[in-house]
Full PDB file with SEQRES, HELIX, SHEET, SSBOND, CRYST1, ORIGX, SCALE, CONECT and MASTER records, all heavy atoms in Angstrom:
SEQRES   1 A   43  TRP TYR ARG GLN ALA PRO GLY LYS GLN ARG GLU LEU VAL          
SEQRES   2 A   43  ALA ARG ILE PRO ILE GLY GLY THR THR THR TYR ALA ASP          
SEQRES   3 A   43  SER VAL LYS GLY ARG PHE THR VAL SER THR ASP ASN ALA          
SEQRES   4 A   43  LYS ASN THR MET                                              
HELIX    1 AA1 ASN A   38  LYS A   40  5                                   3    
SHEET    1 AA1 2 TYR A   2  ARG A   3  0                                        
SHEET    2 AA1 2 GLU A  11  LEU A  12 -1                                        
SHEET    1 AA2 2 ALA A  14  ARG A  15  0                                        
SHEET    2 AA2 2 THR A  23  TYR A  24 -1                                        
CRYST1    1.000    1.000    1.000  90.00  90.00  90.00 P 1           1          
ORIGX1      1.000000  0.000000  0.000000        0.00000                         
ORIGX2      0.000000  1.000000  0.000000        0.00000                         
ORIGX3      0.000000  0.000000  1.000000        0.00000                         
SCALE1      1.000000  0.000000  0.000000        0.00000                         
SCALE2      0.000000  1.000000  0.000000        0.00000                         
SCALE3      0.000000  0.000000  1.000000        0.00000                         
ATOM      1  N   TRP A   1       0.013  -3.116   1.009  1.00  0.00           N  
ATOM      2  CA  TRP A   1      -0.382  -2.857   2.385  1.00  0.00           C  
ATOM      3  C   TRP A   1      -1.896  -2.897   2.492  1.00  0.00           C  
ATOM      4  O   TRP A   1      -2.600  -2.285   1.679  1.00  0.00           O  
ATOM      5  CB  TRP A   1       0.101  -1.486   2.862  1.00  0.00           C  
ATOM      6  CG  TRP A   1       1.572  -1.401   3.105  1.00  0.00           C  
ATOM      7  CD1 TRP A   1       2.506  -0.846   2.300  1.00  0.00           C  
ATOM      8  CD2 TRP A   1       2.270  -1.875   4.260  1.00  0.00           C  
ATOM      9  NE1 TRP A   1       3.753  -0.943   2.864  1.00  0.00           N  
ATOM     10  CE2 TRP A   1       3.636  -1.571   4.072  1.00  0.00           C  
ATOM     11  CE3 TRP A   1       1.875  -2.528   5.438  1.00  0.00           C  
ATOM     12  CZ2 TRP A   1       4.614  -1.903   5.014  1.00  0.00           C  
ATOM     13  CZ3 TRP A   1       2.847  -2.857   6.370  1.00  0.00           C  
ATOM     14  CH2 TRP A   1       4.199  -2.544   6.148  1.00  0.00           C  
ATOM     15  N   TYR A   2      -2.377  -3.618   3.472  1.00  0.00           N  
ATOM     16  CA  TYR A   2      -3.775  -3.627   3.847  1.00  0.00           C  
ATOM     17  C   TYR A   2      -3.894  -3.133   5.280  1.00  0.00           C  
ATOM     18  O   TYR A   2      -2.909  -3.104   6.025  1.00  0.00           O  
ATOM     19  CB  TYR A   2      -4.369  -5.030   3.748  1.00  0.00           C  
ATOM     20  CG  TYR A   2      -4.569  -5.542   2.344  1.00  0.00           C  
ATOM     21  CD1 TYR A   2      -3.500  -5.986   1.569  1.00  0.00           C  
ATOM     22  CD2 TYR A   2      -5.846  -5.611   1.788  1.00  0.00           C  
ATOM     23  CE1 TYR A   2      -3.687  -6.471   0.290  1.00  0.00           C  
ATOM     24  CE2 TYR A   2      -6.042  -6.098   0.507  1.00  0.00           C  
ATOM     25  CZ  TYR A   2      -4.953  -6.527  -0.237  1.00  0.00           C  
ATOM     26  OH  TYR A   2      -5.152  -7.016  -1.511  1.00  0.00           O  
ATOM     27  N   ARG A   3      -5.096  -2.767   5.657  1.00  0.00           N  
ATOM     28  CA  ARG A   3      -5.328  -2.422   7.050  1.00  0.00           C  
ATOM     29  C   ARG A   3      -6.714  -2.885   7.468  1.00  0.00           C  
ATOM     30  O   ARG A   3      -7.608  -3.030   6.644  1.00  0.00           O  
ATOM     31  CB  ARG A   3      -5.176  -0.919   7.296  1.00  0.00           C  
ATOM     32  CG  ARG A   3      -6.231  -0.052   6.639  1.00  0.00           C  
ATOM     33  CD  ARG A   3      -5.898   1.418   6.845  1.00  0.00           C  
ATOM     34  NE  ARG A   3      -6.899   2.288   6.255  1.00  0.00           N  
ATOM     35  CZ  ARG A   3      -6.791   3.606   6.169  1.00  0.00           C  
ATOM     36  NH1 ARG A   3      -5.696   4.213   6.661  1.00  0.00           N  
ATOM     37  NH2 ARG A   3      -7.753   4.325   5.623  1.00  0.00           N  
ATOM     38  N   GLN A   4      -6.852  -3.110   8.753  1.00  0.00           N  
ATOM     39  CA  GLN A   4      -8.132  -3.529   9.297  1.00  0.00           C  
ATOM     40  C   GLN A   4      -8.367  -2.811  10.619  1.00  0.00           C  
ATOM     41  O   GLN A   4      -7.608  -2.983  11.572  1.00  0.00           O  
ATOM     42  CB  GLN A   4      -8.187  -5.040   9.499  1.00  0.00           C  
ATOM     43  CG  GLN A   4      -9.559  -5.554   9.899  1.00  0.00           C  
ATOM     44  CD  GLN A   4      -9.677  -7.061   9.749  1.00  0.00           C  
ATOM     45  OE1 GLN A   4      -8.674  -7.775   9.799  1.00  0.00           O  
ATOM     46  NE2 GLN A   4     -10.892  -7.545   9.560  1.00  0.00           N  
ATOM     47  N   ALA A   5      -9.403  -2.003  10.643  1.00  0.00           N  
ATOM     48  CA  ALA A   5      -9.797  -1.296  11.844  1.00  0.00           C  
ATOM     49  C   ALA A   5     -10.816  -2.141  12.606  1.00  0.00           C  
ATOM     50  O   ALA A   5     -11.486  -2.995  12.016  1.00  0.00           O  
ATOM     51  CB  ALA A   5     -10.386   0.067  11.490  1.00  0.00           C  
ATOM     52  N   PRO A   6     -10.957  -1.910  13.907  1.00  0.00           N  
ATOM     53  CA  PRO A   6     -11.937  -2.674  14.687  1.00  0.00           C  
ATOM     54  C   PRO A   6     -13.333  -2.568  14.094  1.00  0.00           C  
ATOM     55  O   PRO A   6     -13.806  -1.479  13.789  1.00  0.00           O  
ATOM     56  CB  PRO A   6     -11.870  -2.016  16.068  1.00  0.00           C  
ATOM     57  CG  PRO A   6     -10.494  -1.444  16.142  1.00  0.00           C  
ATOM     58  CD  PRO A   6     -10.198  -0.975  14.741  1.00  0.00           C  
ATOM     59  N   GLY A   7     -13.978  -3.718  13.927  1.00  0.00           N  
ATOM     60  CA  GLY A   7     -15.326  -3.745  13.406  1.00  0.00           C  
ATOM     61  C   GLY A   7     -15.453  -3.536  11.917  1.00  0.00           C  
ATOM     62  O   GLY A   7     -16.575  -3.461  11.409  1.00  0.00           O  
ATOM     63  N   LYS A   8     -14.343  -3.440  11.211  1.00  0.00           N  
ATOM     64  CA  LYS A   8     -14.371  -3.214   9.777  1.00  0.00           C  
ATOM     65  C   LYS A   8     -13.629  -4.321   9.039  1.00  0.00           C  
ATOM     66  O   LYS A   8     -12.813  -5.039   9.614  1.00  0.00           O  
ATOM     67  CB  LYS A   8     -13.748  -1.862   9.423  1.00  0.00           C  
ATOM     68  CG  LYS A   8     -14.450  -0.671  10.036  1.00  0.00           C  
ATOM     69  CD  LYS A   8     -13.814   0.636   9.614  1.00  0.00           C  
ATOM     70  CE  LYS A   8     -14.005   0.890   8.127  1.00  0.00           C  
ATOM     71  NZ  LYS A   8     -13.461   2.223   7.722  1.00  0.00           N  
ATOM     72  N   GLN A   9     -13.938  -4.451   7.763  1.00  0.00           N  
ATOM     73  CA  GLN A   9     -13.248  -5.422   6.936  1.00  0.00           C  
ATOM     74  C   GLN A   9     -11.858  -4.928   6.570  1.00  0.00           C  
ATOM     75  O   GLN A   9     -11.594  -3.728   6.541  1.00  0.00           O  
ATOM     76  CB  GLN A   9     -14.048  -5.712   5.668  1.00  0.00           C  
ATOM     77  CG  GLN A   9     -15.343  -6.466   5.890  1.00  0.00           C  
ATOM     78  CD  GLN A   9     -15.965  -6.917   4.588  1.00  0.00           C  
ATOM     79  OE1 GLN A   9     -15.839  -6.253   3.567  1.00  0.00           O  
ATOM     80  NE2 GLN A   9     -16.633  -8.061   4.623  1.00  0.00           N  
ATOM     81  N   ARG A  10     -10.997  -5.871   6.293  1.00  0.00           N  
ATOM     82  CA  ARG A  10      -9.672  -5.518   5.829  1.00  0.00           C  
ATOM     83  C   ARG A  10      -9.767  -4.838   4.465  1.00  0.00           C  
ATOM     84  O   ARG A  10     -10.521  -5.280   3.589  1.00  0.00           O  
ATOM     85  CB  ARG A  10      -8.805  -6.778   5.745  1.00  0.00           C  
ATOM     86  CG  ARG A  10      -7.339  -6.514   5.513  1.00  0.00           C  
ATOM     87  CD  ARG A  10      -6.513  -7.797   5.669  1.00  0.00           C  
ATOM     88  NE  ARG A  10      -6.634  -8.363   7.010  1.00  0.00           N  
ATOM     89  CZ  ARG A  10      -5.949  -9.404   7.435  1.00  0.00           C  
ATOM     90  NH1 ARG A  10      -5.075 -10.009   6.631  1.00  0.00           N  
ATOM     91  NH2 ARG A  10      -6.130  -9.855   8.670  1.00  0.00           N  
ATOM     92  N   GLU A  11      -9.007  -3.760   4.296  1.00  0.00           N  
ATOM     93  CA  GLU A  11      -9.066  -3.000   3.066  1.00  0.00           C  
ATOM     94  C   GLU A  11      -7.675  -2.762   2.506  1.00  0.00           C  
ATOM     95  O   GLU A  11      -6.693  -2.665   3.247  1.00  0.00           O  
ATOM     96  CB  GLU A  11      -9.772  -1.658   3.288  1.00  0.00           C  
ATOM     97  CG  GLU A  11      -9.034  -0.723   4.237  1.00  0.00           C  
ATOM     98  CD  GLU A  11      -9.698   0.636   4.370  1.00  0.00           C  
ATOM     99  OE1 GLU A  11     -10.622   0.936   3.593  1.00  0.00           O  
ATOM    100  OE2 GLU A  11      -9.283   1.402   5.264  1.00  0.00           O  
ATOM    101  N   LEU A  12      -7.614  -2.651   1.203  1.00  0.00           N  
ATOM    102  CA  LEU A  12      -6.363  -2.351   0.528  1.00  0.00           C  
ATOM    103  C   LEU A  12      -5.996  -0.892   0.747  1.00  0.00           C  
ATOM    104  O   LEU A  12      -6.813   0.002   0.547  1.00  0.00           O  
ATOM    105  CB  LEU A  12      -6.486  -2.640  -0.963  1.00  0.00           C  
ATOM    106  CG  LEU A  12      -5.268  -2.314  -1.822  1.00  0.00           C  
ATOM    107  CD1 LEU A  12      -4.100  -3.225  -1.475  1.00  0.00           C  
ATOM    108  CD2 LEU A  12      -5.621  -2.440  -3.302  1.00  0.00           C  
ATOM    109  N   VAL A  13      -4.760  -0.652   1.141  1.00  0.00           N  
ATOM    110  CA  VAL A  13      -4.249   0.695   1.344  1.00  0.00           C  
ATOM    111  C   VAL A  13      -3.410   1.144   0.160  1.00  0.00           C  
ATOM    112  O   VAL A  13      -3.603   2.233  -0.386  1.00  0.00           O  
ATOM    113  CB  VAL A  13      -3.420   0.786   2.636  1.00  0.00           C  
ATOM    114  CG1 VAL A  13      -2.807   2.176   2.797  1.00  0.00           C  
ATOM    115  CG2 VAL A  13      -4.279   0.435   3.848  1.00  0.00           C  
ATOM    116  N   ALA A  14      -2.464   0.321  -0.224  1.00  0.00           N  
ATOM    117  CA  ALA A  14      -1.568   0.651  -1.323  1.00  0.00           C  
ATOM    118  C   ALA A  14      -1.015  -0.631  -1.907  1.00  0.00           C  
ATOM    119  O   ALA A  14      -0.800  -1.606  -1.198  1.00  0.00           O  
ATOM    120  CB  ALA A  14      -0.425   1.550  -0.856  1.00  0.00           C  
ATOM    121  N   ARG A  15      -0.771  -0.594  -3.196  1.00  0.00           N  
ATOM    122  CA  ARG A  15      -0.268  -1.763  -3.902  1.00  0.00           C  
ATOM    123  C   ARG A  15       0.855  -1.335  -4.814  1.00  0.00           C  
ATOM    124  O   ARG A  15       0.744  -0.317  -5.503  1.00  0.00           O  
ATOM    125  CB  ARG A  15      -1.401  -2.416  -4.702  1.00  0.00           C  
ATOM    126  CG  ARG A  15      -1.024  -3.671  -5.480  1.00  0.00           C  
ATOM    127  CD  ARG A  15      -2.257  -4.243  -6.173  1.00  0.00           C  
ATOM    128  NE  ARG A  15      -1.975  -5.488  -6.873  1.00  0.00           N  
ATOM    129  CZ  ARG A  15      -1.588  -5.556  -8.137  1.00  0.00           C  
ATOM    130  NH1 ARG A  15      -1.438  -4.442  -8.847  1.00  0.00           N  
ATOM    131  NH2 ARG A  15      -1.346  -6.727  -8.701  1.00  0.00           N  
ATOM    132  N   ILE A  16       1.927  -2.118  -4.835  1.00  0.00           N  
ATOM    133  CA  ILE A  16       3.074  -1.773  -5.670  1.00  0.00           C  
ATOM    134  C   ILE A  16       3.588  -3.006  -6.391  1.00  0.00           C  
ATOM    135  O   ILE A  16       4.313  -3.828  -5.819  1.00  0.00           O  
ATOM    136  CB  ILE A  16       4.181  -1.067  -4.845  1.00  0.00           C  
ATOM    137  CG1 ILE A  16       5.365  -0.709  -5.744  1.00  0.00           C  
ATOM    138  CG2 ILE A  16       4.608  -1.883  -3.638  1.00  0.00           C  
ATOM    139  CD1 ILE A  16       6.347   0.249  -5.080  1.00  0.00           C  
ATOM    140  N   PRO A  17       3.215  -3.170  -7.649  1.00  0.00           N  
ATOM    141  CA  PRO A  17       3.836  -4.234  -8.442  1.00  0.00           C  
ATOM    142  C   PRO A  17       5.332  -3.961  -8.570  1.00  0.00           C  
ATOM    143  O   PRO A  17       5.733  -2.816  -8.793  1.00  0.00           O  
ATOM    144  CB  PRO A  17       3.140  -4.119  -9.802  1.00  0.00           C  
ATOM    145  CG  PRO A  17       1.885  -3.344  -9.530  1.00  0.00           C  
ATOM    146  CD  PRO A  17       2.241  -2.400  -8.427  1.00  0.00           C  
ATOM    147  N   ILE A  18       6.131  -4.986  -8.390  1.00  0.00           N  
ATOM    148  CA  ILE A  18       7.576  -4.790  -8.476  1.00  0.00           C  
ATOM    149  C   ILE A  18       7.936  -4.426  -9.907  1.00  0.00           C  
ATOM    150  O   ILE A  18       7.681  -5.196 -10.840  1.00  0.00           O  
ATOM    151  CB  ILE A  18       8.339  -6.034  -8.012  1.00  0.00           C  
ATOM    152  CG1 ILE A  18       7.881  -6.441  -6.602  1.00  0.00           C  
ATOM    153  CG2 ILE A  18       9.841  -5.779  -8.052  1.00  0.00           C  
ATOM    154  CD1 ILE A  18       7.947  -5.324  -5.587  1.00  0.00           C  
ATOM    155  N   GLY A  19       8.488  -3.256 -10.070  1.00  0.00           N  
ATOM    156  CA  GLY A  19       8.794  -2.735 -11.389  1.00  0.00           C  
ATOM    157  C   GLY A  19       7.637  -2.025 -12.050  1.00  0.00           C  
ATOM    158  O   GLY A  19       7.760  -1.581 -13.199  1.00  0.00           O  
ATOM    159  N   GLY A  20       6.515  -1.912 -11.342  1.00  0.00           N  
ATOM    160  CA  GLY A  20       5.339  -1.269 -11.876  1.00  0.00           C  
ATOM    161  C   GLY A  20       4.971  -0.005 -11.126  1.00  0.00           C  
ATOM    162  O   GLY A  20       5.747   0.516 -10.329  1.00  0.00           O  
ATOM    163  N   THR A  21       3.773   0.469 -11.381  1.00  0.00           N  
ATOM    164  CA  THR A  21       3.297   1.706 -10.777  1.00  0.00           C  
ATOM    165  C   THR A  21       2.393   1.414  -9.596  1.00  0.00           C  
ATOM    166  O   THR A  21       1.704   0.396  -9.547  1.00  0.00           O  
ATOM    167  CB  THR A  21       2.550   2.566 -11.804  1.00  0.00           C  
ATOM    168  OG1 THR A  21       1.458   1.821 -12.345  1.00  0.00           O  
ATOM    169  CG2 THR A  21       3.473   2.977 -12.928  1.00  0.00           C  
ATOM    170  N   THR A  22       2.390   2.325  -8.656  1.00  0.00           N  
ATOM    171  CA  THR A  22       1.644   2.142  -7.427  1.00  0.00           C  
ATOM    172  C   THR A  22       0.198   2.575  -7.561  1.00  0.00           C  
ATOM    173  O   THR A  22      -0.150   3.414  -8.401  1.00  0.00           O  
ATOM    174  CB  THR A  22       2.288   2.922  -6.284  1.00  0.00           C  
ATOM    175  OG1 THR A  22       2.292   4.320  -6.612  1.00  0.00           O  
ATOM    176  CG2 THR A  22       3.717   2.461  -6.065  1.00  0.00           C  
ATOM    177  N   THR A  23      -0.635   1.995  -6.734  1.00  0.00           N  
ATOM    178  CA  THR A  23      -2.016   2.422  -6.594  1.00  0.00           C  
ATOM    179  C   THR A  23      -2.309   2.616  -5.111  1.00  0.00           C  
ATOM    180  O   THR A  23      -1.710   1.968  -4.259  1.00  0.00           O  
ATOM    181  CB  THR A  23      -3.006   1.415  -7.193  1.00  0.00           C  
ATOM    182  OG1 THR A  23      -2.852   0.140  -6.552  1.00  0.00           O  
ATOM    183  CG2 THR A  23      -2.771   1.255  -8.688  1.00  0.00           C  
ATOM    184  N   TYR A  24      -3.255   3.511  -4.827  1.00  0.00           N  
ATOM    185  CA  TYR A  24      -3.603   3.836  -3.457  1.00  0.00           C  
ATOM    186  C   TYR A  24      -5.107   3.873  -3.280  1.00  0.00           C  
ATOM    187  O   TYR A  24      -5.850   4.201  -4.211  1.00  0.00           O  
ATOM    188  CB  TYR A  24      -3.058   5.207  -3.058  1.00  0.00           C  
ATOM    189  CG  TYR A  24      -1.556   5.306  -3.071  1.00  0.00           C  
ATOM    190  CD1 TYR A  24      -0.877   5.725  -4.210  1.00  0.00           C  
ATOM    191  CD2 TYR A  24      -0.817   4.987  -1.940  1.00  0.00           C  
ATOM    192  CE1 TYR A  24       0.500   5.814  -4.224  1.00  0.00           C  
ATOM    193  CE2 TYR A  24       0.563   5.071  -1.940  1.00  0.00           C  
ATOM    194  CZ  TYR A  24       1.216   5.488  -3.085  1.00  0.00           C  
ATOM    195  OH  TYR A  24       2.584   5.579  -3.091  1.00  0.00           O  
ATOM    196  N   ALA A  25      -5.535   3.557  -2.078  1.00  0.00           N  
ATOM    197  CA  ALA A  25      -6.922   3.792  -1.727  1.00  0.00           C  
ATOM    198  C   ALA A  25      -7.189   5.292  -1.738  1.00  0.00           C  
ATOM    199  O   ALA A  25      -6.312   6.096  -1.402  1.00  0.00           O  
ATOM    200  CB  ALA A  25      -7.229   3.216  -0.347  1.00  0.00           C  
ATOM    201  N   ASP A  26      -8.395   5.663  -2.131  1.00  0.00           N  
ATOM    202  CA  ASP A  26      -8.733   7.081  -2.185  1.00  0.00           C  
ATOM    203  C   ASP A  26      -8.522   7.773  -0.836  1.00  0.00           C  
ATOM    204  O   ASP A  26      -8.145   8.946  -0.781  1.00  0.00           O  
ATOM    205  CB  ASP A  26     -10.187   7.264  -2.628  1.00  0.00           C  
ATOM    206  CG  ASP A  26     -10.396   6.947  -4.095  1.00  0.00           C  
ATOM    207  OD1 ASP A  26      -9.409   6.914  -4.856  1.00  0.00           O  
ATOM    208  OD2 ASP A  26     -11.559   6.729  -4.488  1.00  0.00           O  
ATOM    209  N   SER A  27      -8.745   7.052   0.233  1.00  0.00           N  
ATOM    210  CA  SER A  27      -8.662   7.636   1.561  1.00  0.00           C  
ATOM    211  C   SER A  27      -7.245   8.028   1.972  1.00  0.00           C  
ATOM    212  O   SER A  27      -7.077   8.804   2.915  1.00  0.00           O  
ATOM    213  CB  SER A  27      -9.242   6.673   2.602  1.00  0.00           C  
ATOM    214  OG  SER A  27      -8.546   5.441   2.588  1.00  0.00           O  
ATOM    215  N   VAL A  28      -6.232   7.504   1.275  1.00  0.00           N  
ATOM    216  CA  VAL A  28      -4.853   7.794   1.656  1.00  0.00           C  
ATOM    217  C   VAL A  28      -4.076   8.520   0.570  1.00  0.00           C  
ATOM    218  O   VAL A  28      -2.917   8.891   0.797  1.00  0.00           O  
ATOM    219  CB  VAL A  28      -4.094   6.517   2.062  1.00  0.00           C  
ATOM    220  CG1 VAL A  28      -4.864   5.749   3.126  1.00  0.00           C  
ATOM    221  CG2 VAL A  28      -3.818   5.628   0.854  1.00  0.00           C  
ATOM    222  N   LYS A  29      -4.676   8.736  -0.576  1.00  0.00           N  
ATOM    223  CA  LYS A  29      -3.985   9.421  -1.665  1.00  0.00           C  
ATOM    224  C   LYS A  29      -3.506  10.800  -1.226  1.00  0.00           C  
ATOM    225  O   LYS A  29      -4.243  11.558  -0.604  1.00  0.00           O  
ATOM    226  CB  LYS A  29      -4.897   9.548  -2.884  1.00  0.00           C  
ATOM    227  CG  LYS A  29      -5.098   8.263  -3.653  1.00  0.00           C  
ATOM    228  CD  LYS A  29      -6.010   8.477  -4.859  1.00  0.00           C  
ATOM    229  CE  LYS A  29      -6.196   7.189  -5.636  1.00  0.00           C  
ATOM    230  NZ  LYS A  29      -7.138   7.360  -6.770  1.00  0.00           N  
ATOM    231  N   GLY A  30      -2.272  11.089  -1.559  1.00  0.00           N  
ATOM    232  CA  GLY A  30      -1.689  12.367  -1.190  1.00  0.00           C  
ATOM    233  C   GLY A  30      -1.076  12.393   0.186  1.00  0.00           C  
ATOM    234  O   GLY A  30      -0.371  13.350   0.525  1.00  0.00           O  
ATOM    235  N   ARG A  31      -1.336  11.373   0.989  1.00  0.00           N  
ATOM    236  CA  ARG A  31      -0.800  11.308   2.352  1.00  0.00           C  
ATOM    237  C   ARG A  31       0.179  10.160   2.550  1.00  0.00           C  
ATOM    238  O   ARG A  31       1.140  10.287   3.313  1.00  0.00           O  
ATOM    239  CB  ARG A  31      -1.930  11.189   3.375  1.00  0.00           C  
ATOM    240  CG  ARG A  31      -2.915  12.347   3.350  1.00  0.00           C  
ATOM    241  CD  ARG A  31      -3.901  12.257   4.515  1.00  0.00           C  
ATOM    242  NE  ARG A  31      -4.722  11.048   4.444  1.00  0.00           N  
ATOM    243  CZ  ARG A  31      -4.757  10.108   5.387  1.00  0.00           C  
ATOM    244  NH1 ARG A  31      -4.015  10.233   6.479  1.00  0.00           N  
ATOM    245  NH2 ARG A  31      -5.552   9.050   5.240  1.00  0.00           N  
ATOM    246  N   PHE A  32      -0.088   9.029   1.903  1.00  0.00           N  
ATOM    247  CA  PHE A  32       0.750   7.842   2.058  1.00  0.00           C  
ATOM    248  C   PHE A  32       1.561   7.612   0.796  1.00  0.00           C  
ATOM    249  O   PHE A  32       1.097   7.880  -0.317  1.00  0.00           O  
ATOM    250  CB  PHE A  32      -0.100   6.597   2.311  1.00  0.00           C  
ATOM    251  CG  PHE A  32      -0.805   6.550   3.635  1.00  0.00           C  
ATOM    252  CD1 PHE A  32      -0.838   7.640   4.487  1.00  0.00           C  
ATOM    253  CD2 PHE A  32      -1.445   5.389   4.022  1.00  0.00           C  
ATOM    254  CE1 PHE A  32      -1.494   7.584   5.712  1.00  0.00           C  
ATOM    255  CE2 PHE A  32      -2.109   5.313   5.238  1.00  0.00           C  
ATOM    256  CZ  PHE A  32      -2.130   6.409   6.079  1.00  0.00           C  
ATOM    257  N   THR A  33       2.752   7.075   0.970  1.00  0.00           N  
ATOM    258  CA  THR A  33       3.611   6.724  -0.148  1.00  0.00           C  
ATOM    259  C   THR A  33       4.189   5.338   0.083  1.00  0.00           C  
ATOM    260  O   THR A  33       4.795   5.082   1.124  1.00  0.00           O  
ATOM    261  CB  THR A  33       4.755   7.730  -0.332  1.00  0.00           C  
ATOM    262  OG1 THR A  33       4.226   9.045  -0.528  1.00  0.00           O  
ATOM    263  CG2 THR A  33       5.601   7.353  -1.549  1.00  0.00           C  
ATOM    264  N   VAL A  34       3.997   4.450  -0.881  1.00  0.00           N  
ATOM    265  CA  VAL A  34       4.545   3.108  -0.791  1.00  0.00           C  
ATOM    266  C   VAL A  34       5.769   3.011  -1.698  1.00  0.00           C  
ATOM    267  O   VAL A  34       5.809   3.616  -2.772  1.00  0.00           O  
ATOM    268  CB  VAL A  34       3.486   2.042  -1.163  1.00  0.00           C  
ATOM    269  CG1 VAL A  34       3.082   2.141  -2.628  1.00  0.00           C  
ATOM    270  CG2 VAL A  34       3.984   0.645  -0.833  1.00  0.00           C  
ATOM    271  N   SER A  35       6.760   2.281  -1.249  1.00  0.00           N  
ATOM    272  CA  SER A  35       7.974   2.098  -2.023  1.00  0.00           C  
ATOM    273  C   SER A  35       8.570   0.749  -1.682  1.00  0.00           C  
ATOM    274  O   SER A  35       8.177   0.106  -0.701  1.00  0.00           O  
ATOM    275  CB  SER A  35       8.977   3.221  -1.753  1.00  0.00           C  
ATOM    276  OG  SER A  35       9.366   3.235  -0.392  1.00  0.00           O  
ATOM    277  N   THR A  36       9.518   0.305  -2.492  1.00  0.00           N  
ATOM    278  CA  THR A  36      10.211  -0.949  -2.232  1.00  0.00           C  
ATOM    279  C   THR A  36      11.705  -0.782  -2.402  1.00  0.00           C  
ATOM    280  O   THR A  36      12.177   0.068  -3.160  1.00  0.00           O  
ATOM    281  CB  THR A  36       9.750  -2.082  -3.164  1.00  0.00           C  
ATOM    282  OG1 THR A  36       9.953  -1.703  -4.526  1.00  0.00           O  
ATOM    283  CG2 THR A  36       8.292  -2.420  -2.931  1.00  0.00           C  
ATOM    284  N   ASP A  37      12.435  -1.581  -1.664  1.00  0.00           N  
ATOM    285  CA  ASP A  37      13.855  -1.779  -1.870  1.00  0.00           C  
ATOM    286  C   ASP A  37      13.972  -3.226  -2.318  1.00  0.00           C  
ATOM    287  O   ASP A  37      13.977  -4.146  -1.502  1.00  0.00           O  
ATOM    288  CB  ASP A  37      14.645  -1.525  -0.593  1.00  0.00           C  
ATOM    289  CG  ASP A  37      16.140  -1.654  -0.791  1.00  0.00           C  
ATOM    290  OD1 ASP A  37      16.577  -2.357  -1.728  1.00  0.00           O  
ATOM    291  OD2 ASP A  37      16.895  -1.060   0.000  1.00  0.00           O  
ATOM    292  N   ASN A  38      14.039  -3.420  -3.620  1.00  0.00           N  
ATOM    293  CA  ASN A  38      13.951  -4.770  -4.163  1.00  0.00           C  
ATOM    294  C   ASN A  38      15.132  -5.652  -3.758  1.00  0.00           C  
ATOM    295  O   ASN A  38      14.973  -6.860  -3.597  1.00  0.00           O  
ATOM    296  CB  ASN A  38      13.833  -4.716  -5.683  1.00  0.00           C  
ATOM    297  CG  ASN A  38      12.554  -4.041  -6.136  1.00  0.00           C  
ATOM    298  OD1 ASN A  38      11.568  -3.993  -5.394  1.00  0.00           O  
ATOM    299  ND2 ASN A  38      12.553  -3.526  -7.360  1.00  0.00           N  
ATOM    300  N   ALA A  39      16.296  -5.050  -3.597  1.00  0.00           N  
ATOM    301  CA  ALA A  39      17.460  -5.822  -3.187  1.00  0.00           C  
ATOM    302  C   ALA A  39      17.295  -6.397  -1.790  1.00  0.00           C  
ATOM    303  O   ALA A  39      17.892  -7.417  -1.454  1.00  0.00           O  
ATOM    304  CB  ALA A  39      18.717  -4.966  -3.263  1.00  0.00           C  
ATOM    305  N   LYS A  40      16.478  -5.734  -0.966  1.00  0.00           N  
ATOM    306  CA  LYS A  40      16.246  -6.174   0.404  1.00  0.00           C  
ATOM    307  C   LYS A  40      14.902  -6.862   0.589  1.00  0.00           C  
ATOM    308  O   LYS A  40      14.564  -7.243   1.707  1.00  0.00           O  
ATOM    309  CB  LYS A  40      16.335  -4.989   1.358  1.00  0.00           C  
ATOM    310  CG  LYS A  40      17.689  -4.309   1.387  1.00  0.00           C  
ATOM    311  CD  LYS A  40      17.691  -3.137   2.352  1.00  0.00           C  
ATOM    312  CE  LYS A  40      19.050  -2.462   2.396  1.00  0.00           C  
ATOM    313  NZ  LYS A  40      19.066  -1.301   3.324  1.00  0.00           N  
ATOM    314  N   ASN A  41      14.145  -7.007  -0.503  1.00  0.00           N  
ATOM    315  CA  ASN A  41      12.797  -7.569  -0.425  1.00  0.00           C  
ATOM    316  C   ASN A  41      11.970  -6.865   0.645  1.00  0.00           C  
ATOM    317  O   ASN A  41      11.249  -7.500   1.416  1.00  0.00           O  
ATOM    318  CB  ASN A  41      12.839  -9.072  -0.154  1.00  0.00           C  
ATOM    319  CG  ASN A  41      13.199  -9.882  -1.377  1.00  0.00           C  
ATOM    320  OD1 ASN A  41      13.146  -9.389  -2.503  1.00  0.00           O  
ATOM    321  ND2 ASN A  41      13.565 -11.140  -1.168  1.00  0.00           N  
ATOM    322  N   THR A  42      12.077  -5.561   0.656  1.00  0.00           N  
ATOM    323  CA  THR A  42      11.422  -4.764   1.678  1.00  0.00           C  
ATOM    324  C   THR A  42      10.503  -3.728   1.048  1.00  0.00           C  
ATOM    325  O   THR A  42      10.860  -3.093   0.056  1.00  0.00           O  
ATOM    326  CB  THR A  42      12.450  -4.063   2.577  1.00  0.00           C  
ATOM    327  OG1 THR A  42      13.231  -5.057   3.251  1.00  0.00           O  
ATOM    328  CG2 THR A  42      11.764  -3.190   3.618  1.00  0.00           C  
ATOM    329  N   MET A  43       9.336  -3.576   1.639  1.00  0.00           N  
ATOM    330  CA  MET A  43       8.363  -2.577   1.231  1.00  0.00           C  
ATOM    331  C   MET A  43       8.159  -1.608   2.390  1.00  0.00           C  
ATOM    332  O   MET A  43       8.154  -2.007   3.558  1.00  0.00           O  
ATOM    333  CB  MET A  43       7.039  -3.245   0.859  1.00  0.00           C  
ATOM    334  CG  MET A  43       5.904  -2.280   0.559  1.00  0.00           C  
ATOM    335  SD  MET A  43       4.356  -3.130   0.119  1.00  0.00           S  
ATOM    336  CE  MET A  43       3.995  -4.010   1.646  1.00  0.00           C  
TER     337      MET A  43                                                      
MASTER        0    0    0    1    4    0    0    6  336    1    0    4          
END                                                                             
């Protein structure tokens, strides 16, 4: 997941390698959770 606010560059929010461990931007740690349903190709 990336996000882009008005007047700002697009930034990485969270990344989840399939079968791997997630990483988060410092600004969202503890508040956001990324997950996948691999059978549905959905994040």
